[in-house]
Amino acid sequence: MKSLQKYSYPVNLSEYQPFSEYPMHFKKVISGDRASTIEFENYFRLHSHEIEPWFEVVFWKLYSQKKIAVQTTKVIIRNMTANGIVDPITLTEKAKKFMQSESERDFENFRRSFNFSTTAIATIATFPAFLDPNNYPMVDTRVAKWVNSELASHNRVDTTGPQLIRSNFDGNFSYTTLHMNDFPFYLHWIRWTRHMAKKLSAATNFPWRARDVEMAVFTAWGNKGCSHPALRLNPITADINSRV
């Protein structure tokens, strides 16, 4: 709970240039706490039949990468619209098809709609999390670092529940993001956050979502320059009333 309450990811969408191409969009300022982030998630779901909110979420996701956020968003938008404006209804259908099957094939089919030049998955995985935050977390290298560091203690106390597995991300310069070969890691992460959300909801009398578990993990790992993890998350046993 402490880690979730400390969650902070502030974003000023108006920093996207040239936002003048989208006069009705790229205006929101998200203060970055859980409530404002949920408000942005709700906004996306309400307007996901328009293409511009998809572009806004891309920039939101990349915002922390100050040196590349604007340019990378431009590239993604250009790739998505290379053959005319991509249909947001089709994007939603492809995302939901993956969410129904949770197959690698359907995730890859959705990912290909963005015409990425690489097999990166983190930006793509943002959209299931925005469409259904109760059941889908985001994933990124910060999460991957936490999982690689902490999975043993969390798996050990709940051997009958979904297990975390290591990602291929090792933090060196030859492998700086998550790719399709990390899909098994992503799928285990989805199932683990759902399971943890149920345990936490019962133990804390607070309605945890899979996205909330991810937010807590994201916060717990800590920012660059601090010792990791910055906050130690208590492993929770299969018996929700017993903690280790």
C-alpha atoms as a PDB file:
ATOM      1  CA  MET A   1       0.000   0.000   0.000  1.00  0.00           C
ATOM      2  CA  LYS A   2       2.846   2.374   0.840  1.00  0.00           C
ATOM      3  CA  SER A   3       4.447   1.766  -2.526  1.00  0.00           C
ATOM      4  CA  LEU A   4       1.174   2.233  -4.431  1.00  0.00           C
ATOM      5  CA  GLN A   5       0.475   5.473  -2.590  1.00  0.00           C
ATOM      6  CA  LYS A   6       3.920   6.747  -3.607  1.00  0.00           C
ATOM      7  CA  TYR A   7       3.343   6.019  -7.289  1.00  0.00           C
ATOM      8  CA  SER A   8       4.196   9.071  -9.392  1.00  0.00           C
ATOM      9  CA  TYR A   9       4.396   9.381 -13.169  1.00  0.00           C
ATOM     10  CA  PRO A  10       3.593  13.000 -14.107  1.00  0.00           C
ATOM     11  CA  VAL A  11       3.153  13.755 -17.800  1.00  0.00           C
ATOM     12  CA  ASN A  12       2.464  16.975 -19.699  1.00  0.00           C
ATOM     13  CA  LEU A  13       1.069  15.903 -23.068  1.00  0.00           C
ATOM     14  CA  SER A  14       1.398  19.424 -24.474  1.00  0.00           C
ATOM     15  CA  GLU A  15       5.153  18.882 -24.638  1.00  0.00           C
ATOM     16  CA  TYR A  16       4.556  16.778 -27.713  1.00  0.00           C
ATOM     17  CA  GLN A  17       5.467  18.814 -30.772  1.00  0.00           C
ATOM     18  CA  PRO A  18       3.892  19.472 -33.179  1.00  0.00           C
ATOM     19  CA  PHE A  19       0.739  19.034 -31.098  1.00  0.00           C
ATOM     20  CA  SER A  20      -0.875  21.737 -33.299  1.00  0.00           C
ATOM     21  CA  GLU A  21      -1.598  18.929 -35.777  1.00  0.00           C
ATOM     22  CA  TYR A  22      -4.077  17.662 -33.200  1.00  0.00           C
ATOM     23  CA  PRO A  23      -5.783  20.844 -31.896  1.00  0.00           C
ATOM     24  CA  MET A  24      -8.258  18.919 -29.726  1.00  0.00           C
ATOM     25  CA  HIS A  25      -5.636  16.634 -28.202  1.00  0.00           C
ATOM     26  CA  PHE A  26      -2.254  16.624 -26.454  1.00  0.00           C
ATOM     27  CA  LYS A  27      -3.545  19.096 -23.889  1.00  0.00           C
ATOM     28  CA  LYS A  28      -3.832  17.022 -20.730  1.00  0.00           C
ATOM     29  CA  VAL A  29      -1.521  17.419 -17.775  1.00  0.00           C
ATOM     30  CA  ILE A  30      -1.475  14.240 -15.685  1.00  0.00           C
ATOM     31  CA  SER A  31      -0.208  14.996 -12.185  1.00  0.00           C
ATOM     32  CA  GLY A  32       1.008  11.420 -11.973  1.00  0.00           C
ATOM     33  CA  ASP A  33      -0.573   9.936  -8.857  1.00  0.00           C
ATOM     34  CA  ARG A  34      -2.869   6.915  -9.011  1.00  0.00           C
ATOM     35  CA  ALA A  35      -6.084   8.970  -9.252  1.00  0.00           C
ATOM     36  CA  SER A  36      -4.903  11.156 -12.145  1.00  0.00           C
ATOM     37  CA  THR A  37      -3.503   8.125 -13.958  1.00  0.00           C
ATOM     38  CA  ILE A  38      -6.819   6.306 -13.622  1.00  0.00           C
ATOM     39  CA  GLU A  39      -8.544   9.409 -14.983  1.00  0.00           C
ATOM     40  CA  PHE A  40      -6.293   9.222 -18.047  1.00  0.00           C
ATOM     41  CA  GLU A  41      -7.027   5.498 -18.445  1.00  0.00           C
ATOM     42  CA  ASN A  42     -10.753   6.258 -18.294  1.00  0.00           C
ATOM     43  CA  TYR A  43     -10.357   9.035 -20.867  1.00  0.00           C
ATOM     44  CA  PHE A  44      -8.630   6.629 -23.249  1.00  0.00           C
ATOM     45  CA  ARG A  45     -11.334   3.979 -22.947  1.00  0.00           C
ATOM     46  CA  LEU A  46     -14.070   6.569 -23.486  1.00  0.00           C
ATOM     47  CA  HIS A  47     -12.389   7.902 -26.623  1.00  0.00           C
ATOM     48  CA  SER A  48     -10.634   4.804 -27.971  1.00  0.00           C
ATOM     49  CA  HIS A  49     -12.855   4.955 -31.073  1.00  0.00           C
ATOM     50  CA  GLU A  50     -10.735   7.973 -32.107  1.00  0.00           C
ATOM     51  CA  ILE A  51      -7.129   7.530 -33.225  1.00  0.00           C
ATOM     52  CA  GLU A  52      -5.673  10.562 -31.434  1.00  0.00           C
ATOM     53  CA  PRO A  53      -5.981   9.120 -27.894  1.00  0.00           C
ATOM     54  CA  TRP A  54      -3.920   6.136 -29.085  1.00  0.00           C
ATOM     55  CA  PHE A  55      -1.203   8.585 -30.117  1.00  0.00           C
ATOM     56  CA  GLU A  56      -1.498  10.356 -26.757  1.00  0.00           C
ATOM     57  CA  VAL A  57      -0.991   7.089 -24.883  1.00  0.00           C
ATOM     58  CA  VAL A  58       2.120   6.350 -26.945  1.00  0.00           C
ATOM     59  CA  PHE A  59       3.603   9.715 -25.953  1.00  0.00           C
ATOM     60  CA  TRP A  60       2.484   9.219 -22.335  1.00  0.00           C
ATOM     61  CA  LYS A  61       4.271   5.860 -22.243  1.00  0.00           C
ATOM     62  CA  LEU A  62       7.479   7.259 -23.723  1.00  0.00           C
ATOM     63  CA  TYR A  63       7.406  10.525 -21.762  1.00  0.00           C
ATOM     64  CA  SER A  64      10.027   9.538 -19.186  1.00  0.00           C
ATOM     65  CA  GLN A  65      12.560   9.036 -21.988  1.00  0.00           C
ATOM     66  CA  LYS A  66      13.039  12.760 -22.466  1.00  0.00           C
ATOM     67  CA  LYS A  67      15.676  12.543 -25.174  1.00  0.00           C
ATOM     68  CA  ILE A  68      13.628  10.363 -27.500  1.00  0.00           C
ATOM     69  CA  ALA A  69       9.953  10.676 -26.477  1.00  0.00           C
ATOM     70  CA  VAL A  70       8.866  13.261 -29.032  1.00  0.00           C
ATOM     71  CA  GLN A  71      10.826  11.886 -31.959  1.00  0.00           C
ATOM     72  CA  THR A  72       9.922   8.256 -31.250  1.00  0.00           C
ATOM     73  CA  THR A  73       6.240   9.167 -30.952  1.00  0.00           C
ATOM     74  CA  LYS A  74       6.453  10.948 -34.319  1.00  0.00           C
ATOM     75  CA  VAL A  75       8.025   7.855 -35.872  1.00  0.00           C
ATOM     76  CA  ILE A  76       5.358   5.563 -34.424  1.00  0.00           C
ATOM     77  CA  ILE A  77       2.565   7.854 -35.639  1.00  0.00           C
ATOM     78  CA  ARG A  78       4.168   8.066 -39.077  1.00  0.00           C
ATOM     79  CA  ASN A  79       4.497   4.295 -39.267  1.00  0.00           C
ATOM     80  CA  MET A  80       0.918   3.753 -38.118  1.00  0.00           C
ATOM     81  CA  THR A  81      -0.441   6.190 -40.706  1.00  0.00           C
ATOM     82  CA  ALA A  82       1.854   5.265 -43.600  1.00  0.00           C
ATOM     83  CA  ASN A  83      -1.068   3.881 -45.590  1.00  0.00           C
ATOM     84  CA  GLY A  84      -3.666   6.336 -44.323  1.00  0.00           C
ATOM     85  CA  ILE A  85      -5.105   6.832 -40.849  1.00  0.00           C
ATOM     86  CA  VAL A  86      -5.220   3.491 -39.080  1.00  0.00           C
ATOM     87  CA  ASP A  87      -8.649   2.430 -37.888  1.00  0.00           C
ATOM     88  CA  PRO A  88      -8.863   2.666 -34.067  1.00  0.00           C
ATOM     89  CA  ILE A  89     -11.799   0.246 -34.062  1.00  0.00           C
ATOM     90  CA  THR A  90      -9.571  -2.369 -35.689  1.00  0.00           C
ATOM     91  CA  LEU A  91      -6.832  -1.649 -33.156  1.00  0.00           C
ATOM     92  CA  THR A  92      -9.314  -2.198 -30.332  1.00  0.00           C
ATOM     93  CA  GLU A  93     -10.565  -5.420 -31.884  1.00  0.00           C
ATOM     94  CA  LYS A  94      -7.038  -6.772 -32.262  1.00  0.00           C
ATOM     95  CA  ALA A  95      -6.153  -5.803 -28.696  1.00  0.00           C
ATOM     96  CA  LYS A  96      -9.277  -7.497 -27.359  1.00  0.00           C
ATOM     97  CA  LYS A  97      -8.623 -10.606 -29.434  1.00  0.00           C
ATOM     98  CA  PHE A  98      -5.266 -10.929 -27.695  1.00  0.00           C
ATOM     99  CA  MET A  99      -6.918 -10.271 -24.335  1.00  0.00           C
ATOM    100  CA  GLN A 100      -9.359 -13.104 -24.993  1.00  0.00           C
ATOM    101  CA  SER A 101      -6.770 -15.632 -26.151  1.00  0.00           C
ATOM    102  CA  GLU A 102      -3.573 -14.340 -24.502  1.00  0.00           C
ATOM    103  CA  SER A 103      -1.726 -16.049 -27.314  1.00  0.00           C
ATOM    104  CA  GLU A 104       1.605 -14.905 -28.653  1.00  0.00           C
ATOM    105  CA  ARG A 105       0.186 -15.002 -32.181  1.00  0.00           C
ATOM    106  CA  ASP A 106      -2.623 -12.562 -31.342  1.00  0.00           C
ATOM    107  CA  PHE A 107      -0.275 -10.264 -29.432  1.00  0.00           C
ATOM    108  CA  GLU A 108       2.081 -10.219 -32.429  1.00  0.00           C
ATOM    109  CA  ASN A 109      -0.839  -9.518 -34.766  1.00  0.00           C
ATOM    110  CA  PHE A 110      -1.796  -6.527 -32.622  1.00  0.00           C
ATOM    111  CA  ARG A 111       1.831  -5.382 -32.382  1.00  0.00           C
ATOM    112  CA  ARG A 112       2.242  -5.438 -36.164  1.00  0.00           C
ATOM    113  CA  SER A 113      -0.507  -2.800 -36.468  1.00  0.00           C
ATOM    114  CA  PHE A 114       2.031  -0.283 -35.168  1.00  0.00           C
ATOM    115  CA  ASN A 115       4.603  -1.124 -37.876  1.00  0.00           C
ATOM    116  CA  PHE A 116       7.502  -1.132 -35.442  1.00  0.00           C
ATOM    117  CA  SER A 117      10.925  -1.627 -36.977  1.00  0.00           C
ATOM    118  CA  THR A 118      11.884  -3.800 -33.995  1.00  0.00           C
ATOM    119  CA  THR A 119      10.168  -6.508 -31.951  1.00  0.00           C
ATOM    120  CA  ALA A 120       9.795  -4.267 -28.868  1.00  0.00           C
ATOM    121  CA  ILE A 121       6.705  -4.970 -26.751  1.00  0.00           C
ATOM    122  CA  ALA A 122       6.493  -2.468 -23.867  1.00  0.00           C
ATOM    123  CA  THR A 123       4.571   0.272 -25.713  1.00  0.00           C
ATOM    124  CA  ILE A 124       2.189  -2.277 -27.201  1.00  0.00           C
ATOM    125  CA  ALA A 125       1.520  -3.851 -23.798  1.00  0.00           C
ATOM    126  CA  THR A 126       0.354  -0.452 -22.539  1.00  0.00           C
ATOM    127  CA  PHE A 127      -2.923  -0.704 -24.440  1.00  0.00           C
ATOM    128  CA  PRO A 128      -4.356  -3.879 -22.846  1.00  0.00           C
ATOM    129  CA  ALA A 129      -3.510  -2.248 -19.487  1.00  0.00           C
ATOM    130  CA  PHE A 130      -5.463   0.878 -20.445  1.00  0.00           C
ATOM    131  CA  LEU A 131      -8.369  -1.084 -21.906  1.00  0.00           C
ATOM    132  CA  ASP A 132      -8.682  -3.429 -18.899  1.00  0.00           C
ATOM    133  CA  PRO A 133      -6.536  -2.315 -15.946  1.00  0.00           C
ATOM    134  CA  ASN A 134      -8.277  -4.771 -13.634  1.00  0.00           C
ATOM    135  CA  ASN A 135      -6.680  -7.656 -15.494  1.00  0.00           C
ATOM    136  CA  TYR A 136      -3.684  -6.293 -17.376  1.00  0.00           C
ATOM    137  CA  PRO A 137      -0.529  -4.608 -16.088  1.00  0.00           C
ATOM    138  CA  MET A 138       1.923  -2.619 -18.124  1.00  0.00           C
ATOM    139  CA  VAL A 139       5.445  -3.960 -18.443  1.00  0.00           C
ATOM    140  CA  ASP A 140       8.815  -2.294 -18.939  1.00  0.00           C
ATOM    141  CA  THR A 141      12.483  -2.718 -18.093  1.00  0.00           C
ATOM    142  CA  ARG A 142      11.961  -1.290 -14.600  1.00  0.00           C
ATOM    143  CA  VAL A 143       9.442  -4.036 -13.892  1.00  0.00           C
ATOM    144  CA  ALA A 144      11.798  -6.564 -15.469  1.00  0.00           C
ATOM    145  CA  LYS A 145      14.625  -5.498 -13.173  1.00  0.00           C
ATOM    146  CA  TRP A 146      12.388  -5.907 -10.126  1.00  0.00           C
ATOM    147  CA  VAL A 147      11.164  -9.334 -11.236  1.00  0.00           C
ATOM    148  CA  ASN A 148      14.682 -10.574 -11.993  1.00  0.00           C
ATOM    149  CA  SER A 149      15.824  -9.372  -8.574  1.00  0.00           C
ATOM    150  CA  GLU A 150      12.868 -10.403  -6.414  1.00  0.00           C
ATOM    151  CA  LEU A 151      11.141 -13.367  -8.049  1.00  0.00           C
ATOM    152  CA  ALA A 152      12.737 -16.065  -5.905  1.00  0.00           C
ATOM    153  CA  SER A 153      11.355 -14.792  -2.594  1.00  0.00           C
ATOM    154  CA  HIS A 154       7.874 -14.137  -4.005  1.00  0.00           C
ATOM    155  CA  ASN A 155       7.615 -17.483  -5.805  1.00  0.00           C
ATOM    156  CA  ARG A 156       8.840 -19.376  -2.754  1.00  0.00           C
ATOM    157  CA  VAL A 157       6.021 -18.249  -0.440  1.00  0.00           C
ATOM    158  CA  ASP A 158       3.208 -19.126  -2.864  1.00  0.00           C
ATOM    159  CA  THR A 159       4.266 -22.160  -4.852  1.00  0.00           C
ATOM    160  CA  THR A 160       0.716 -23.029  -5.925  1.00  0.00           C
ATOM    161  CA  GLY A 161       0.002 -19.624  -7.470  1.00  0.00           C
ATOM    162  CA  PRO A 162       1.251 -18.176 -10.759  1.00  0.00           C
ATOM    163  CA  GLN A 163       5.026 -17.941 -10.786  1.00  0.00           C
ATOM    164  CA  LEU A 164       7.225 -15.107 -11.960  1.00  0.00           C
ATOM    165  CA  ILE A 165       9.949 -15.979 -14.466  1.00  0.00           C
ATOM    166  CA  ARG A 166      13.069 -14.066 -15.493  1.00  0.00           C
ATOM    167  CA  SER A 167      13.055 -11.773 -18.485  1.00  0.00           C
ATOM    168  CA  ASN A 168      15.852 -11.749 -21.019  1.00  0.00           C
ATOM    169  CA  PHE A 169      16.550  -8.126 -20.152  1.00  0.00           C
ATOM    170  CA  ASP A 170      19.952  -7.861 -18.492  1.00  0.00           C
ATOM    171  CA  GLY A 171      20.427  -4.098 -18.396  1.00  0.00           C
ATOM    172  CA  ASN A 172      23.459  -3.962 -20.630  1.00  0.00           C
ATOM    173  CA  PHE A 173      23.698  -1.822 -23.733  1.00  0.00           C
ATOM    174  CA  SER A 174      23.155  -4.722 -26.098  1.00  0.00           C
ATOM    175  CA  TYR A 175      19.688  -5.374 -24.707  1.00  0.00           C
ATOM    176  CA  THR A 176      17.959  -2.188 -23.604  1.00  0.00           C
ATOM    177  CA  THR A 177      14.293  -3.043 -23.928  1.00  0.00           C
ATOM    178  CA  LEU A 178      11.845  -5.951 -23.853  1.00  0.00           C
ATOM    179  CA  HIS A 179      11.219  -7.805 -27.112  1.00  0.00           C
ATOM    180  CA  MET A 180       8.952 -10.562 -28.391  1.00  0.00           C
ATOM    181  CA  ASN A 181      11.306 -13.190 -26.996  1.00  0.00           C
ATOM    182  CA  ASP A 182      10.143 -11.870 -23.607  1.00  0.00           C
ATOM    183  CA  PHE A 183       6.503 -12.729 -24.327  1.00  0.00           C
ATOM    184  CA  PRO A 184       6.552 -15.706 -21.885  1.00  0.00           C
ATOM    185  CA  PHE A 185       7.884 -13.361 -19.190  1.00  0.00           C
ATOM    186  CA  TYR A 186       5.087 -10.872 -19.994  1.00  0.00           C
ATOM    187  CA  LEU A 187       2.408 -13.577 -19.836  1.00  0.00           C
ATOM    188  CA  HIS A 188       3.640 -14.836 -16.444  1.00  0.00           C
ATOM    189  CA  TRP A 189       3.733 -11.229 -15.240  1.00  0.00           C
ATOM    190  CA  ILE A 190       0.086 -10.721 -16.271  1.00  0.00           C
ATOM    191  CA  ARG A 191      -1.070 -13.802 -14.382  1.00  0.00           C
ATOM    192  CA  TRP A 192       1.056 -13.036 -11.317  1.00  0.00           C
ATOM    193  CA  THR A 193      -0.284  -9.467 -10.998  1.00  0.00           C
ATOM    194  CA  ARG A 194      -3.871 -10.705 -11.236  1.00  0.00           C
ATOM    195  CA  HIS A 195      -3.237 -13.278  -8.544  1.00  0.00           C
ATOM    196  CA  MET A 196      -1.456 -10.749  -6.350  1.00  0.00           C
ATOM    197  CA  ALA A 197      -4.295  -8.235  -6.815  1.00  0.00           C
ATOM    198  CA  LYS A 198      -6.767 -10.772  -5.436  1.00  0.00           C
ATOM    199  CA  LYS A 199      -4.567 -11.519  -2.431  1.00  0.00           C
ATOM    200  CA  LEU A 200      -3.932  -7.863  -1.724  1.00  0.00           C
ATOM    201  CA  SER A 201      -7.604  -6.935  -2.093  1.00  0.00           C
ATOM    202  CA  ALA A 202      -8.516  -9.539   0.511  1.00  0.00           C
ATOM    203  CA  ALA A 203      -5.664  -8.625   2.844  1.00  0.00           C
ATOM    204  CA  THR A 204      -6.022  -4.825   2.713  1.00  0.00           C
ATOM    205  CA  ASN A 205      -9.743  -4.268   2.087  1.00  0.00           C
ATOM    206  CA  PHE A 206      -8.747  -2.126  -0.908  1.00  0.00           C
ATOM    207  CA  PRO A 207      -9.772  -2.958  -4.515  1.00  0.00           C
ATOM    208  CA  TRP A 208      -6.423  -3.737  -6.103  1.00  0.00           C
ATOM    209  CA  ARG A 209      -6.158  -4.082  -9.874  1.00  0.00           C
ATOM    210  CA  ALA A 210      -3.433  -5.822 -11.866  1.00  0.00           C
ATOM    211  CA  ARG A 211      -2.305  -2.324 -12.882  1.00  0.00           C
ATOM    212  CA  ASP A 212      -2.068  -1.311  -9.227  1.00  0.00           C
ATOM    213  CA  VAL A 213       0.251  -4.221  -8.512  1.00  0.00           C
ATOM    214  CA  GLU A 214       2.409  -3.083 -11.430  1.00  0.00           C
ATOM    215  CA  MET A 215       2.346   0.533 -10.174  1.00  0.00           C
ATOM    216  CA  ALA A 216       3.521  -0.624  -6.753  1.00  0.00           C
ATOM    217  CA  VAL A 217       6.330  -2.686  -8.281  1.00  0.00           C
ATOM    218  CA  PHE A 218       7.339   0.202 -10.561  1.00  0.00           C
ATOM    219  CA  THR A 219       7.566   2.490  -7.532  1.00  0.00           C
ATOM    220  CA  ALA A 220       9.272  -0.087  -5.333  1.00  0.00           C
ATOM    221  CA  TRP A 221      12.176  -0.578  -7.726  1.00  0.00           C
ATOM    222  CA  GLY A 222      13.002   3.120  -7.534  1.00  0.00           C
ATOM    223  CA  ASN A 223      14.400   5.788  -9.816  1.00  0.00           C
ATOM    224  CA  LYS A 224      17.832   5.863 -11.394  1.00  0.00           C
ATOM    225  CA  GLY A 225      20.600   6.611  -8.960  1.00  0.00           C
ATOM    226  CA  CYS A 226      19.015   5.052  -5.886  1.00  0.00           C
ATOM    227  CA  SER A 227      19.622   1.658  -4.338  1.00  0.00           C
ATOM    228  CA  HIS A 228      17.325  -1.059  -5.654  1.00  0.00           C
ATOM    229  CA  PRO A 229      14.750  -1.970  -4.681  1.00  0.00           C
ATOM    230  CA  ALA A 230      13.992   1.376  -3.047  1.00  0.00           C
ATOM    231  CA  LEU A 231      11.099  -0.222  -1.147  1.00  0.00           C
ATOM    232  CA  ARG A 232      10.970  -3.856  -0.131  1.00  0.00           C
ATOM    233  CA  LEU A 233       7.639  -5.446  -1.071  1.00  0.00           C
ATOM    234  CA  ASN A 234       6.605  -8.150   1.378  1.00  0.00           C
ATOM    235  CA  PRO A 235       6.006 -11.532  -0.252  1.00  0.00           C
ATOM    236  CA  ILE A 236       2.465 -12.651   0.540  1.00  0.00           C
ATOM    237  CA  THR A 237       1.783 -16.326   1.118  1.00  0.00           C
ATOM    238  CA  ALA A 238      -1.018 -18.330  -0.437  1.00  0.00           C
ATOM    239  CA  ASP A 239      -2.757 -17.831   2.921  1.00  0.00           C
ATOM    240  CA  ILE A 240      -3.684 -14.144   2.598  1.00  0.00           C
ATOM    241  CA  ASN A 241      -3.798 -13.718   6.362  1.00  0.00           C
ATOM    242  CA  SER A 242      -0.179 -14.760   6.751  1.00  0.00           C
ATOM    243  CA  ARG A 243       2.704 -12.606   5.557  1.00  0.00           C
ATOM    244  CA  VAL A 244       6.427 -13.327   5.345  1.00  0.00           C
END
